[in-house]
Amino acid sequence: MTDEREIISRREERKRRTRERLLDAGRTLFSERGFDQTTIDDIVAAAHVSRGTFFNYFDNKDAVLAALHRVHMDKLPAIIDDLLARELTTAERIQALFDDVVDAAVTLEKYFRATTRELDRDLATPAISAARTERFIVAFGRVLEAGVARGEVRVDYPLRFLSQMVTAVYVTTIRYWRQDTVFDMELEFERAAAFIAEAIAPPENGDPSGPKGGSGPDGGSEG
């Protein structure tokens, strides 16, 4: 007799596979046609499921896009792990993260424009925006923290402040690319990465501990 738990497990596995087919179909179609030119009917046809099945998993086409963006966000910690395992400077690690964006925009422009639409939606959804921004801050914070240990990152500002700054430049550059059709992404992302590398580097005066007895970076008084 088949165990009830085995039946449930098989059912859950079927659901997982069906959801993955829908996501794969969305990913392929968004890459080929773009988001606006893809319909729910296109997705269900490519996934070989019915419209009714689609709505068992997603409320609309936007929900498919949001799920695909979450897949990429979920990969971010592993990407950071890989960069930290390689013998790179902090500036090179940040440059690598920016280069990944450029590669995606060049090789899969329609798909990248679709998934980064989620960053624009964040402006209208503060709760989602805060959660997504926090993931970027944590990711960049890990890179900067490793750089502090190597003497490559300034310590006169709180690490979180620097991570927020890097996140702001990163996300803003992507948004700017989305809004400007003549934007030279390769050039501008290279410039943005160079700006960050300069901004996070220890002060040239050779005193990485920063100013003494003045106003701290958080607006409070030091000393």
N, C-alpha and C. Protein backbone atom coordinates (compact mmCIF):
# COMPACT_ATOMS: atom_id res chain seq x y z
N MET A 1 0.84 -1.19 0.00
CA MET A 1 0.00 0.00 0.00
C MET A 1 0.89 1.26 0.00
N THR A 2 0.56 2.22 -0.86
CA THR A 2 1.38 3.43 -0.96
C THR A 2 1.21 4.29 0.27
N ASP A 3 2.31 4.69 0.85
CA ASP A 3 2.29 5.54 2.03
C ASP A 3 1.71 6.90 1.68
N GLU A 4 0.87 7.44 2.58
CA GLU A 4 0.23 8.73 2.33
C GLU A 4 1.27 9.84 2.15
N ARG A 5 2.36 9.75 2.92
CA ARG A 5 3.40 10.75 2.79
C ARG A 5 4.06 10.70 1.42
N GLU A 6 4.17 9.51 0.86
CA GLU A 6 4.75 9.38 -0.48
C GLU A 6 3.84 10.01 -1.52
N ILE A 7 2.53 9.84 -1.36
CA ILE A 7 1.56 10.43 -2.28
C ILE A 7 1.66 11.95 -2.24
N ILE A 8 1.73 12.50 -1.03
CA ILE A 8 1.85 13.95 -0.87
C ILE A 8 3.15 14.44 -1.48
N SER A 9 4.21 13.67 -1.26
CA SER A 9 5.51 14.06 -1.80
C SER A 9 5.48 14.09 -3.33
N ARG A 10 4.85 13.11 -3.93
CA ARG A 10 4.75 13.07 -5.39
C ARG A 10 3.92 14.24 -5.90
N ARG A 11 2.84 14.56 -5.18
CA ARG A 11 1.99 15.67 -5.59
C ARG A 11 2.76 16.98 -5.52
N GLU A 12 3.52 17.17 -4.46
CA GLU A 12 4.30 18.39 -4.32
C GLU A 12 5.38 18.48 -5.40
N GLU A 13 5.96 17.34 -5.76
CA GLU A 13 6.97 17.33 -6.80
C GLU A 13 6.36 17.69 -8.15
N ARG A 14 5.14 17.21 -8.42
CA ARG A 14 4.46 17.57 -9.67
C ARG A 14 4.18 19.07 -9.71
N LYS A 15 3.75 19.61 -8.57
CA LYS A 15 3.50 21.05 -8.50
C LYS A 15 4.77 21.84 -8.75
N ARG A 16 5.86 21.37 -8.15
CA ARG A 16 7.14 22.06 -8.33
C ARG A 16 7.55 22.06 -9.80
N ARG A 17 7.41 20.89 -10.45
CA ARG A 17 7.80 20.78 -11.85
C ARG A 17 6.93 21.67 -12.74
N THR A 18 5.63 21.72 -12.44
CA THR A 18 4.73 22.55 -13.23
C THR A 18 5.09 24.02 -13.08
N ARG A 19 5.37 24.45 -11.87
CA ARG A 19 5.75 25.84 -11.63
C ARG A 19 7.06 26.16 -12.35
N GLU A 20 8.00 25.22 -12.33
CA GLU A 20 9.27 25.44 -13.02
C GLU A 20 9.06 25.54 -14.53
N ARG A 21 8.13 24.75 -15.09
CA ARG A 21 7.85 24.83 -16.52
C ARG A 21 7.30 26.20 -16.88
N LEU A 22 6.43 26.72 -16.04
CA LEU A 22 5.87 28.04 -16.28
C LEU A 22 6.95 29.12 -16.20
N LEU A 23 7.83 29.00 -15.23
CA LEU A 23 8.93 29.96 -15.11
C LEU A 23 9.89 29.85 -16.29
N ASP A 24 10.20 28.63 -16.69
CA ASP A 24 11.09 28.44 -17.84
C ASP A 24 10.48 29.03 -19.11
N ALA A 25 9.17 28.83 -19.25
CA ALA A 25 8.48 29.39 -20.43
C ALA A 25 8.52 30.90 -20.40
N GLY A 26 8.25 31.48 -19.24
CA GLY A 26 8.31 32.93 -19.11
C GLY A 26 9.70 33.46 -19.39
N ARG A 27 10.71 32.78 -18.86
CA ARG A 27 12.10 33.21 -19.05
C ARG A 27 12.46 33.20 -20.55
N THR A 28 12.09 32.15 -21.23
CA THR A 28 12.40 32.03 -22.66
C THR A 28 11.67 33.09 -23.49
N LEU A 29 10.38 33.26 -23.21
CA LEU A 29 9.58 34.20 -23.99
C LEU A 29 9.97 35.65 -23.71
N PHE A 30 10.24 35.96 -22.46
CA PHE A 30 10.67 37.33 -22.14
C PHE A 30 12.01 37.63 -22.82
N SER A 31 12.86 36.60 -22.94
CA SER A 31 14.16 36.79 -23.59
C SER A 31 14.00 37.00 -25.08
N GLU A 32 13.07 36.28 -25.70
CA GLU A 32 12.90 36.33 -27.14
C GLU A 32 12.05 37.52 -27.59
N ARG A 33 10.96 37.79 -26.85
CA ARG A 33 9.99 38.79 -27.30
C ARG A 33 9.97 40.05 -26.43
N GLY A 34 10.43 39.94 -25.21
CA GLY A 34 10.26 41.03 -24.26
C GLY A 34 9.01 40.80 -23.43
N PHE A 35 8.90 41.49 -22.32
CA PHE A 35 7.79 41.30 -21.40
C PHE A 35 6.46 41.75 -21.99
N ASP A 36 6.44 42.95 -22.56
CA ASP A 36 5.17 43.52 -23.04
C ASP A 36 4.59 42.74 -24.22
N GLN A 37 5.44 42.09 -24.99
CA GLN A 37 4.96 41.35 -26.16
C GLN A 37 4.61 39.90 -25.84
N THR A 38 4.74 39.51 -24.60
CA THR A 38 4.42 38.14 -24.19
C THR A 38 3.10 38.13 -23.43
N THR A 39 2.22 37.19 -23.76
CA THR A 39 0.93 37.08 -23.09
C THR A 39 0.88 35.83 -22.22
N ILE A 40 -0.12 35.77 -21.37
CA ILE A 40 -0.31 34.57 -20.56
C ILE A 40 -0.57 33.37 -21.46
N ASP A 41 -1.33 33.58 -22.54
CA ASP A 41 -1.59 32.48 -23.48
C ASP A 41 -0.28 31.96 -24.08
N ASP A 42 0.65 32.85 -24.35
CA ASP A 42 1.96 32.43 -24.88
C ASP A 42 2.67 31.55 -23.85
N ILE A 43 2.62 31.97 -22.59
CA ILE A 43 3.32 31.23 -21.54
C ILE A 43 2.73 29.84 -21.35
N VAL A 44 1.40 29.76 -21.29
CA VAL A 44 0.79 28.44 -21.05
C VAL A 44 1.00 27.51 -22.24
N ALA A 45 1.03 28.09 -23.44
CA ALA A 45 1.27 27.26 -24.63
C ALA A 45 2.69 26.70 -24.60
N ALA A 46 3.64 27.55 -24.24
CA ALA A 46 5.04 27.10 -24.19
C ALA A 46 5.28 26.11 -23.06
N ALA A 47 4.52 26.25 -21.97
CA ALA A 47 4.68 25.34 -20.82
C ALA A 47 3.82 24.09 -20.94
N HIS A 48 2.93 24.07 -21.96
CA HIS A 48 2.03 22.92 -22.19
C HIS A 48 1.11 22.69 -20.99
N VAL A 49 0.52 23.79 -20.51
CA VAL A 49 -0.48 23.69 -19.43
C VAL A 49 -1.68 24.54 -19.82
N SER A 50 -2.75 24.43 -19.06
CA SER A 50 -3.95 25.21 -19.35
C SER A 50 -3.88 26.57 -18.65
N ARG A 51 -4.76 27.50 -19.08
CA ARG A 51 -4.83 28.79 -18.39
C ARG A 51 -5.22 28.60 -16.93
N GLY A 52 -6.12 27.65 -16.70
CA GLY A 52 -6.54 27.39 -15.32
C GLY A 52 -5.37 26.97 -14.46
N THR A 53 -4.50 26.14 -15.02
CA THR A 53 -3.31 25.70 -14.27
C THR A 53 -2.41 26.90 -13.98
N PHE A 54 -2.26 27.77 -14.96
CA PHE A 54 -1.42 28.97 -14.76
C PHE A 54 -1.89 29.73 -13.52
N PHE A 55 -3.19 29.96 -13.42
CA PHE A 55 -3.71 30.77 -12.32
C PHE A 55 -3.71 30.03 -10.98
N ASN A 56 -3.41 28.75 -11.00
CA ASN A 56 -3.18 28.04 -9.74
C ASN A 56 -1.84 28.43 -9.12
N TYR A 57 -0.95 28.97 -9.96
CA TYR A 57 0.40 29.29 -9.50
C TYR A 57 0.71 30.79 -9.49
N PHE A 58 0.12 31.51 -10.43
CA PHE A 58 0.43 32.94 -10.53
C PHE A 58 -0.85 33.74 -10.77
N ASP A 59 -0.91 34.91 -10.16
CA ASP A 59 -2.09 35.76 -10.32
C ASP A 59 -2.12 36.42 -11.69
N ASN A 60 -0.95 36.69 -12.23
CA ASN A 60 -0.87 37.39 -13.52
C ASN A 60 0.55 37.25 -14.07
N LYS A 61 0.78 37.88 -15.21
CA LYS A 61 2.09 37.82 -15.85
C LYS A 61 3.16 38.51 -15.00
N ASP A 62 2.77 39.58 -14.33
CA ASP A 62 3.71 40.29 -13.46
C ASP A 62 4.25 39.39 -12.36
N ALA A 63 3.40 38.48 -11.87
CA ALA A 63 3.82 37.57 -10.80
C ALA A 63 4.90 36.60 -11.30
N VAL A 64 4.83 36.23 -12.57
CA VAL A 64 5.87 35.39 -13.16
C VAL A 64 7.19 36.15 -13.18
N LEU A 65 7.11 37.40 -13.60
CA LEU A 65 8.31 38.24 -13.65
C LEU A 65 8.92 38.41 -12.26
N ALA A 66 8.07 38.66 -11.26
CA ALA A 66 8.56 38.83 -9.89
C ALA A 66 9.24 37.57 -9.39
N ALA A 67 8.66 36.42 -9.73
CA ALA A 67 9.25 35.14 -9.31
C ALA A 67 10.60 34.92 -9.96
N LEU A 68 10.72 35.28 -11.24
CA LEU A 68 12.00 35.14 -11.93
C LEU A 68 13.05 36.06 -11.32
N HIS A 69 12.65 37.25 -10.94
CA HIS A 69 13.60 38.18 -10.31
C HIS A 69 14.05 37.63 -8.96
N ARG A 70 13.13 37.00 -8.22
CA ARG A 70 13.51 36.41 -6.92
C ARG A 70 14.52 35.29 -7.11
N VAL A 71 14.38 34.53 -8.19
CA VAL A 71 15.34 33.46 -8.48
C VAL A 71 16.75 34.05 -8.59
N HIS A 72 16.86 35.17 -9.29
CA HIS A 72 18.17 35.80 -9.45
C HIS A 72 18.68 36.36 -8.12
N MET A 73 17.79 36.95 -7.35
CA MET A 73 18.20 37.48 -6.04
C MET A 73 18.67 36.36 -5.13
N ASP A 74 18.03 35.19 -5.23
CA ASP A 74 18.40 34.05 -4.38
C ASP A 74 19.80 33.53 -4.72
N LYS A 75 20.27 33.82 -5.92
CA LYS A 75 21.61 33.37 -6.33
C LYS A 75 22.70 34.32 -5.86
N LEU A 76 22.33 35.50 -5.40
CA LEU A 76 23.31 36.51 -5.04
C LEU A 76 24.29 36.06 -3.96
N PRO A 77 23.85 35.42 -2.87
CA PRO A 77 24.81 34.98 -1.85
C PRO A 77 25.88 34.04 -2.41
N ALA A 78 25.49 33.13 -3.31
CA ALA A 78 26.46 32.20 -3.89
C ALA A 78 27.45 32.94 -4.79
N ILE A 79 26.98 33.97 -5.48
CA ILE A 79 27.87 34.77 -6.32
C ILE A 79 28.90 35.48 -5.45
N ILE A 80 28.46 36.00 -4.31
CA ILE A 80 29.37 36.66 -3.39
C ILE A 80 30.36 35.65 -2.82
N ASP A 81 29.88 34.45 -2.47
CA ASP A 81 30.77 33.40 -1.96
C ASP A 81 31.89 33.13 -2.96
N ASP A 82 31.53 33.04 -4.24
CA ASP A 82 32.51 32.75 -5.27
C ASP A 82 33.55 33.87 -5.37
N LEU A 83 33.09 35.11 -5.33
CA LEU A 83 34.01 36.24 -5.42
C LEU A 83 34.95 36.28 -4.22
N LEU A 84 34.43 35.98 -3.04
CA LEU A 84 35.26 36.01 -1.84
C LEU A 84 36.27 34.87 -1.82
N ALA A 85 35.97 33.80 -2.53
CA ALA A 85 36.89 32.66 -2.58
C ALA A 85 38.04 32.88 -3.55
N ARG A 86 37.88 33.89 -4.43
CA ARG A 86 38.92 34.17 -5.43
C ARG A 86 39.88 35.24 -4.92
N GLU A 87 41.11 35.17 -5.36
CA GLU A 87 42.12 36.13 -4.92
C GLU A 87 41.97 37.42 -5.72
N LEU A 88 41.04 38.25 -5.27
CA LEU A 88 40.74 39.51 -5.94
C LEU A 88 40.79 40.64 -4.92
N THR A 89 41.06 41.83 -5.40
CA THR A 89 40.96 42.99 -4.52
C THR A 89 39.48 43.35 -4.37
N THR A 90 39.18 44.19 -3.41
CA THR A 90 37.80 44.61 -3.21
C THR A 90 37.27 45.34 -4.44
N ALA A 91 38.10 46.20 -5.02
CA ALA A 91 37.69 46.92 -6.23
C ALA A 91 37.40 45.95 -7.37
N GLU A 92 38.20 44.89 -7.50
CA GLU A 92 37.98 43.90 -8.55
C GLU A 92 36.70 43.11 -8.32
N ARG A 93 36.38 42.84 -7.07
CA ARG A 93 35.14 42.12 -6.76
C ARG A 93 33.91 42.96 -7.10
N ILE A 94 33.97 44.23 -6.76
CA ILE A 94 32.86 45.12 -7.10
C ILE A 94 32.75 45.26 -8.62
N GLN A 95 33.90 45.40 -9.28
CA GLN A 95 33.89 45.49 -10.74
C GLN A 95 33.27 44.24 -11.35
N ALA A 96 33.56 43.07 -10.78
CA ALA A 96 33.00 41.81 -11.29
C ALA A 96 31.48 41.80 -11.17
N LEU A 97 30.95 42.31 -10.06
CA LEU A 97 29.50 42.36 -9.88
C LEU A 97 28.87 43.28 -10.92
N PHE A 98 29.52 44.40 -11.20
CA PHE A 98 29.00 45.33 -12.20
C PHE A 98 29.14 44.73 -13.61
N ASP A 99 30.25 44.01 -13.85
CA ASP A 99 30.45 43.39 -15.16
C ASP A 99 29.37 42.34 -15.44
N ASP A 100 28.93 41.62 -14.41
CA ASP A 100 27.87 40.62 -14.58
C ASP A 100 26.60 41.28 -15.10
N VAL A 101 26.30 42.46 -14.59
CA VAL A 101 25.11 43.19 -15.05
C VAL A 101 25.26 43.57 -16.52
N VAL A 102 26.42 44.07 -16.88
CA VAL A 102 26.66 44.45 -18.27
C VAL A 102 26.53 43.24 -19.19
N ASP A 103 27.11 42.11 -18.79
CA ASP A 103 27.02 40.90 -19.60
C ASP A 103 25.57 40.49 -19.82
N ALA A 104 24.77 40.56 -18.76
CA ALA A 104 23.35 40.20 -18.87
C ALA A 104 22.61 41.15 -19.79
N ALA A 105 22.93 42.43 -19.68
CA ALA A 105 22.26 43.42 -20.51
C ALA A 105 22.62 43.28 -21.98
N VAL A 106 23.84 42.87 -22.23
CA VAL A 106 24.31 42.74 -23.62
C VAL A 106 23.81 41.44 -24.25
N THR A 107 23.92 40.34 -23.52
CA THR A 107 23.58 39.03 -24.10
C THR A 107 22.09 38.71 -24.03
N LEU A 108 21.39 39.24 -23.02
CA LEU A 108 19.97 38.95 -22.86
C LEU A 108 19.22 40.25 -22.57
N GLU A 109 19.32 41.19 -23.49
CA GLU A 109 18.81 42.53 -23.21
C GLU A 109 17.32 42.54 -22.90
N LYS A 110 16.50 41.86 -23.71
CA LYS A 110 15.06 41.89 -23.49
C LYS A 110 14.70 41.27 -22.14
N TYR A 111 15.35 40.17 -21.81
CA TYR A 111 15.06 39.51 -20.54
C TYR A 111 15.54 40.37 -19.37
N PHE A 112 16.71 40.98 -19.51
CA PHE A 112 17.24 41.81 -18.43
C PHE A 112 16.38 43.05 -18.23
N ARG A 113 15.90 43.63 -19.32
CA ARG A 113 15.00 44.77 -19.19
C ARG A 113 13.70 44.35 -18.50
N ALA A 114 13.27 43.14 -18.76
CA ALA A 114 12.04 42.66 -18.11
C ALA A 114 12.25 42.46 -16.62
N THR A 115 13.29 41.73 -16.24
CA THR A 115 13.47 41.42 -14.82
C THR A 115 13.84 42.66 -14.00
N THR A 116 14.60 43.58 -14.58
CA THR A 116 14.96 44.78 -13.82
C THR A 116 13.80 45.75 -13.71
N ARG A 117 12.72 45.48 -14.41
CA ARG A 117 11.50 46.26 -14.21
C ARG A 117 11.04 46.18 -12.76
N GLU A 118 11.40 45.07 -12.11
CA GLU A 118 11.05 44.90 -10.70
C GLU A 118 11.67 46.00 -9.84
N LEU A 119 12.85 46.48 -10.22
CA LEU A 119 13.48 47.55 -9.45
C LEU A 119 12.67 48.83 -9.55
N ASP A 120 12.05 49.07 -10.70
CA ASP A 120 11.20 50.25 -10.85
C ASP A 120 9.92 50.10 -10.04
N ARG A 121 9.40 48.88 -9.99
CA ARG A 121 8.18 48.65 -9.21
C ARG A 121 8.42 48.88 -7.73
N ASP A 122 9.67 48.68 -7.30
CA ASP A 122 9.99 48.89 -5.89
C ASP A 122 9.61 50.28 -5.42
N LEU A 123 9.66 51.25 -6.34
CA LEU A 123 9.37 52.62 -5.97
C LEU A 123 7.93 52.77 -5.48
N ALA A 124 7.05 51.87 -5.94
CA ALA A 124 5.64 51.93 -5.55
C ALA A 124 5.30 50.93 -4.46
N THR A 125 6.25 50.11 -4.06
CA THR A 125 6.00 49.09 -3.03
C THR A 125 7.09 49.16 -1.97
N PRO A 126 6.97 50.08 -1.02
CA PRO A 126 8.02 50.30 -0.03
C PRO A 126 8.46 49.05 0.73
N ALA A 127 7.51 48.19 1.10
CA ALA A 127 7.87 47.00 1.88
C ALA A 127 8.76 46.06 1.07
N ILE A 128 8.37 45.82 -0.17
CA ILE A 128 9.16 44.95 -1.04
C ILE A 128 10.51 45.61 -1.34
N SER A 129 10.46 46.90 -1.57
CA SER A 129 11.69 47.63 -1.86
C SER A 129 12.68 47.52 -0.71
N ALA A 130 12.20 47.67 0.52
CA ALA A 130 13.09 47.61 1.69
C ALA A 130 13.73 46.24 1.81
N ALA A 131 12.95 45.19 1.59
CA ALA A 131 13.47 43.83 1.70
C ALA A 131 14.51 43.55 0.62
N ARG A 132 14.22 43.98 -0.61
CA ARG A 132 15.15 43.74 -1.70
C ARG A 132 16.43 44.56 -1.52
N THR A 133 16.27 45.81 -1.12
CA THR A 133 17.43 46.66 -0.89
C THR A 133 18.32 46.08 0.21
N GLU A 134 17.70 45.53 1.23
CA GLU A 134 18.47 44.95 2.34
C GLU A 134 19.33 43.79 1.85
N ARG A 135 18.83 43.02 0.91
CA ARG A 135 19.61 41.90 0.39
C ARG A 135 20.84 42.41 -0.36
N PHE A 136 20.69 43.49 -1.11
CA PHE A 136 21.84 44.09 -1.78
C PHE A 136 22.84 44.64 -0.76
N ILE A 137 22.32 45.30 0.27
CA ILE A 137 23.19 45.89 1.29
C ILE A 137 24.00 44.80 1.99
N VAL A 138 23.36 43.70 2.33
CA VAL A 138 24.05 42.59 2.98
C VAL A 138 25.12 42.00 2.05
N ALA A 139 24.76 41.83 0.78
CA ALA A 139 25.71 41.24 -0.19
C ALA A 139 26.94 42.13 -0.37
N PHE A 140 26.72 43.40 -0.63
CA PHE A 140 27.86 44.31 -0.79
C PHE A 140 28.62 44.47 0.52
N GLY A 141 27.90 44.39 1.64
CA GLY A 141 28.55 44.48 2.94
C GLY A 141 29.55 43.37 3.17
N ARG A 142 29.25 42.17 2.69
CA ARG A 142 30.19 41.05 2.83
C ARG A 142 31.47 41.32 2.04
N VAL A 143 31.32 41.89 0.86
CA VAL A 143 32.50 42.22 0.05
C VAL A 143 33.33 43.29 0.74
N LEU A 144 32.67 44.31 1.26
CA LEU A 144 33.38 45.40 1.92
C LEU A 144 34.03 44.94 3.22
N GLU A 145 33.34 44.08 3.95
CA GLU A 145 33.90 43.58 5.21
C GLU A 145 35.21 42.83 4.96
N ALA A 146 35.24 42.02 3.91
CA ALA A 146 36.48 41.32 3.56
C ALA A 146 37.56 42.32 3.17
N GLY A 147 37.15 43.42 2.55
CA GLY A 147 38.11 44.44 2.16
C GLY A 147 38.69 45.20 3.34
N VAL A 148 37.89 45.37 4.38
CA VAL A 148 38.39 46.03 5.59
C VAL A 148 39.56 45.24 6.16
N ALA A 149 39.42 43.91 6.21
CA ALA A 149 40.47 43.06 6.75
C ALA A 149 41.76 43.16 5.94
N ARG A 150 41.64 43.51 4.66
CA ARG A 150 42.81 43.62 3.78
C ARG A 150 43.34 45.06 3.73
N GLY A 151 42.71 45.96 4.46
CA GLY A 151 43.14 47.35 4.45
C GLY A 151 42.76 48.09 3.17
N GLU A 152 41.75 47.57 2.44
CA GLU A 152 41.35 48.16 1.16
C GLU A 152 40.10 49.02 1.27
N VAL A 153 39.48 49.03 2.43
CA VAL A 153 38.23 49.76 2.62
C VAL A 153 38.37 50.70 3.81
N ARG A 154 37.93 51.89 3.64
CA ARG A 154 38.03 52.89 4.69
C ARG A 154 37.18 52.49 5.90
N VAL A 155 37.63 52.92 7.08
CA VAL A 155 36.90 52.58 8.31
C VAL A 155 36.43 53.82 9.04
N ASP A 156 36.53 54.99 8.40
CA ASP A 156 36.04 56.20 9.04
C ASP A 156 34.55 56.40 8.82
N TYR A 157 33.92 55.49 8.09
CA TYR A 157 32.47 55.45 7.94
C TYR A 157 31.99 54.06 8.32
N PRO A 158 30.80 53.94 8.90
CA PRO A 158 30.27 52.62 9.23
C PRO A 158 30.17 51.74 7.98
N LEU A 159 30.41 50.47 8.15
CA LEU A 159 30.36 49.53 7.03
C LEU A 159 28.99 49.54 6.36
N ARG A 160 27.94 49.62 7.15
CA ARG A 160 26.59 49.61 6.57
C ARG A 160 26.36 50.86 5.72
N PHE A 161 26.88 52.00 6.16
CA PHE A 161 26.76 53.22 5.38
C PHE A 161 27.39 53.03 4.00
N LEU A 162 28.59 52.47 3.98
CA LEU A 162 29.27 52.23 2.71
C LEU A 162 28.51 51.23 1.84
N SER A 163 27.95 50.21 2.47
CA SER A 163 27.17 49.21 1.73
C SER A 163 25.92 49.84 1.12
N GLN A 164 25.29 50.73 1.87
CA GLN A 164 24.12 51.42 1.33
C GLN A 164 24.50 52.31 0.16
N MET A 165 25.66 52.94 0.25
CA MET A 165 26.13 53.79 -0.84
C MET A 165 26.38 52.97 -2.11
N VAL A 166 27.06 51.84 -1.95
CA VAL A 166 27.33 50.98 -3.11
C VAL A 166 26.03 50.48 -3.72
N THR A 167 25.09 50.07 -2.87
CA THR A 167 23.79 49.60 -3.35
C THR A 167 23.07 50.69 -4.12
N ALA A 168 23.09 51.91 -3.60
CA ALA A 168 22.40 53.02 -4.27
C ALA A 168 22.99 53.28 -5.65
N VAL A 169 24.31 53.26 -5.76
CA VAL A 169 24.95 53.49 -7.06
C VAL A 169 24.61 52.35 -8.03
N TYR A 170 24.67 51.13 -7.53
CA TYR A 170 24.40 49.93 -8.34
C TYR A 170 22.98 49.96 -8.91
N VAL A 171 21.99 50.15 -8.04
CA VAL A 171 20.59 50.13 -8.46
C VAL A 171 20.27 51.34 -9.33
N THR A 172 20.77 52.51 -8.96
CA THR A 172 20.49 53.72 -9.73
C THR A 172 21.06 53.62 -11.14
N THR A 173 22.25 53.03 -11.30
CA THR A 173 22.84 52.89 -12.63
C THR A 173 21.99 51.98 -13.50
N ILE A 174 21.45 50.91 -12.92
CA ILE A 174 20.56 50.03 -13.68
C ILE A 174 19.30 50.76 -14.09
N ARG A 175 18.71 51.50 -13.16
CA ARG A 175 17.48 52.25 -13.47
C ARG A 175 17.74 53.29 -14.56
N TYR A 176 18.88 53.93 -14.49
CA TYR A 176 19.22 54.94 -15.50
C TYR A 176 19.34 54.30 -16.87
N TRP A 177 19.95 53.12 -16.92
CA TRP A 177 20.06 52.39 -18.18
C TRP A 177 18.67 52.06 -18.74
N ARG A 178 17.75 51.68 -17.87
CA ARG A 178 16.40 51.33 -18.32
C ARG A 178 15.68 52.54 -18.92
N GLN A 179 15.98 53.71 -18.42
CA GLN A 179 15.25 54.91 -18.84
C GLN A 179 15.87 55.61 -20.03
N ASP A 180 17.13 55.33 -20.33
CA ASP A 180 17.86 56.04 -21.38
C ASP A 180 18.27 55.06 -22.48
N THR A 181 17.64 55.17 -23.63
CA THR A 181 17.89 54.20 -24.72
C THR A 181 19.27 54.37 -25.34
N VAL A 182 19.92 55.52 -25.16
CA VAL A 182 21.26 55.72 -25.74
C VAL A 182 22.35 55.58 -24.67
N PHE A 183 21.99 55.06 -23.54
CA PHE A 183 22.91 54.89 -22.42
C PHE A 183 23.96 53.84 -22.77
N ASP A 184 25.23 54.21 -22.67
CA ASP A 184 26.33 53.28 -22.93
C ASP A 184 26.59 52.52 -21.63
N MET A 185 25.95 51.35 -21.49
CA MET A 185 25.98 50.65 -20.22
C MET A 185 27.38 50.21 -19.83
N GLU A 186 28.13 49.70 -20.79
CA GLU A 186 29.48 49.23 -20.47
C GLU A 186 30.33 50.36 -19.92
N LEU A 187 30.27 51.51 -20.58
CA LEU A 187 31.05 52.66 -20.13
C LEU A 187 30.57 53.17 -18.78
N GLU A 188 29.26 53.33 -18.64
CA GLU A 188 28.73 53.93 -17.41
C GLU A 188 28.88 53.01 -16.20
N PHE A 189 28.77 51.72 -16.41
CA PHE A 189 28.97 50.81 -15.28
C PHE A 189 30.44 50.74 -14.90
N GLU A 190 31.33 50.87 -15.89
CA GLU A 190 32.75 50.93 -15.57
C GLU A 190 33.05 52.18 -14.76
N ARG A 191 32.43 53.30 -15.15
CA ARG A 191 32.63 54.55 -14.41
C ARG A 191 32.04 54.45 -13.01
N ALA A 192 30.88 53.81 -12.90
CA ALA A 192 30.24 53.67 -11.59
C ALA A 192 31.09 52.82 -10.65
N ALA A 193 31.64 51.72 -11.18
CA ALA A 193 32.50 50.85 -10.37
C ALA A 193 33.76 51.59 -9.94
N ALA A 194 34.32 52.40 -10.85
CA ALA A 194 35.52 53.17 -10.52
C ALA A 194 35.20 54.21 -9.45
N PHE A 195 34.03 54.82 -9.55
CA PHE A 195 33.61 55.81 -8.55
C PHE A 195 33.51 55.15 -7.17
N ILE A 196 32.91 53.96 -7.12
CA ILE A 196 32.77 53.25 -5.85
C ILE A 196 34.14 52.88 -5.29
N ALA A 197 35.01 52.37 -6.16
CA ALA A 197 36.35 51.97 -5.70
C ALA A 197 37.08 53.14 -5.06
N GLU A 198 36.91 54.32 -5.66
CA GLU A 198 37.56 55.51 -5.11
C GLU A 198 36.89 55.93 -3.80
N ALA A 199 35.57 55.83 -3.75
CA ALA A 199 34.83 56.29 -2.58
C ALA A 199 35.08 55.43 -1.34
N ILE A 200 35.28 54.13 -1.54
CA ILE A 200 35.44 53.24 -0.38
C ILE A 200 36.90 53.08 0.03
N ALA A 201 37.84 53.59 -0.78
CA ALA A 201 39.26 53.42 -0.46
C ALA A 201 39.64 54.22 0.78
N PRO A 202 40.62 53.74 1.54
CA PRO A 202 41.07 54.49 2.73
C PRO A 202 41.54 55.89 2.34
N PRO A 203 41.37 56.85 3.23
CA PRO A 203 41.80 58.22 2.94
C PRO A 203 43.28 58.28 2.57
N GLU A 204 43.61 59.19 1.69
CA GLU A 204 45.00 59.30 1.23
C GLU A 204 45.93 59.84 2.30
N ASN A 205 45.36 60.42 3.37
CA ASN A 205 46.22 60.97 4.42
C ASN A 205 46.88 59.88 5.26
N GLY A 206 46.52 58.62 4.94
CA GLY A 206 47.17 57.50 5.62
C GLY A 206 46.60 57.18 6.98
N ASP A 207 45.56 57.89 7.39
CA ASP A 207 44.92 57.63 8.68
C ASP A 207 43.55 57.02 8.45
N PRO A 208 43.45 55.66 8.33
CA PRO A 208 42.18 55.00 8.01
C PRO A 208 41.15 55.12 9.11
N SER A 209 41.55 55.60 10.29
CA SER A 209 40.58 55.70 11.38
C SER A 209 39.69 56.91 11.24
N GLY A 210 40.06 57.83 10.31
CA GLY A 210 39.18 58.95 10.04
C GLY A 210 39.40 60.11 10.97
N PRO A 211 38.53 61.12 10.90
CA PRO A 211 38.68 62.33 11.68
C PRO A 211 38.50 62.09 13.16
N LYS A 212 39.20 62.85 13.94
CA LYS A 212 39.12 62.73 15.39
C LYS A 212 38.38 63.93 15.97
N GLY A 213 37.45 63.65 16.88
CA GLY A 213 36.81 64.70 17.63
C GLY A 213 35.83 65.55 16.85
N GLY A 214 35.47 65.14 15.62
CA GLY A 214 34.53 65.91 14.86
C GLY A 214 33.20 65.20 14.77
N SER A 215 32.43 65.59 13.77
CA SER A 215 31.13 64.95 13.56
C SER A 215 31.32 63.63 12.87
N GLY A 216 30.72 62.60 13.38
CA GLY A 216 30.82 61.28 12.78
C GLY A 216 29.95 61.17 11.55
N PRO A 217 30.10 60.10 10.76
CA PRO A 217 29.35 59.93 9.52
C PRO A 217 27.88 59.73 9.77
N ASP A 218 27.50 59.36 10.99
CA ASP A 218 26.07 59.19 11.26
C ASP A 218 25.46 60.46 11.82
N GLY A 219 26.22 61.54 11.79
CA GLY A 219 25.67 62.82 12.23
C GLY A 219 25.90 63.08 13.70
N GLY A 220 26.43 62.08 14.43
CA GLY A 220 26.65 62.24 15.86
C GLY A 220 28.03 62.78 16.13
N SER A 221 28.33 63.02 17.39
CA SER A 221 29.62 63.57 17.75
C SER A 221 30.56 62.47 18.16
N GLU A 222 31.81 62.55 17.73
CA GLU A 222 32.81 61.56 18.08
C GLU A 222 33.74 62.14 19.15
N GLY A 223 34.35 61.28 19.93
CA GLY A 223 35.36 61.72 20.87
C GLY A 223 34.76 62.31 22.13
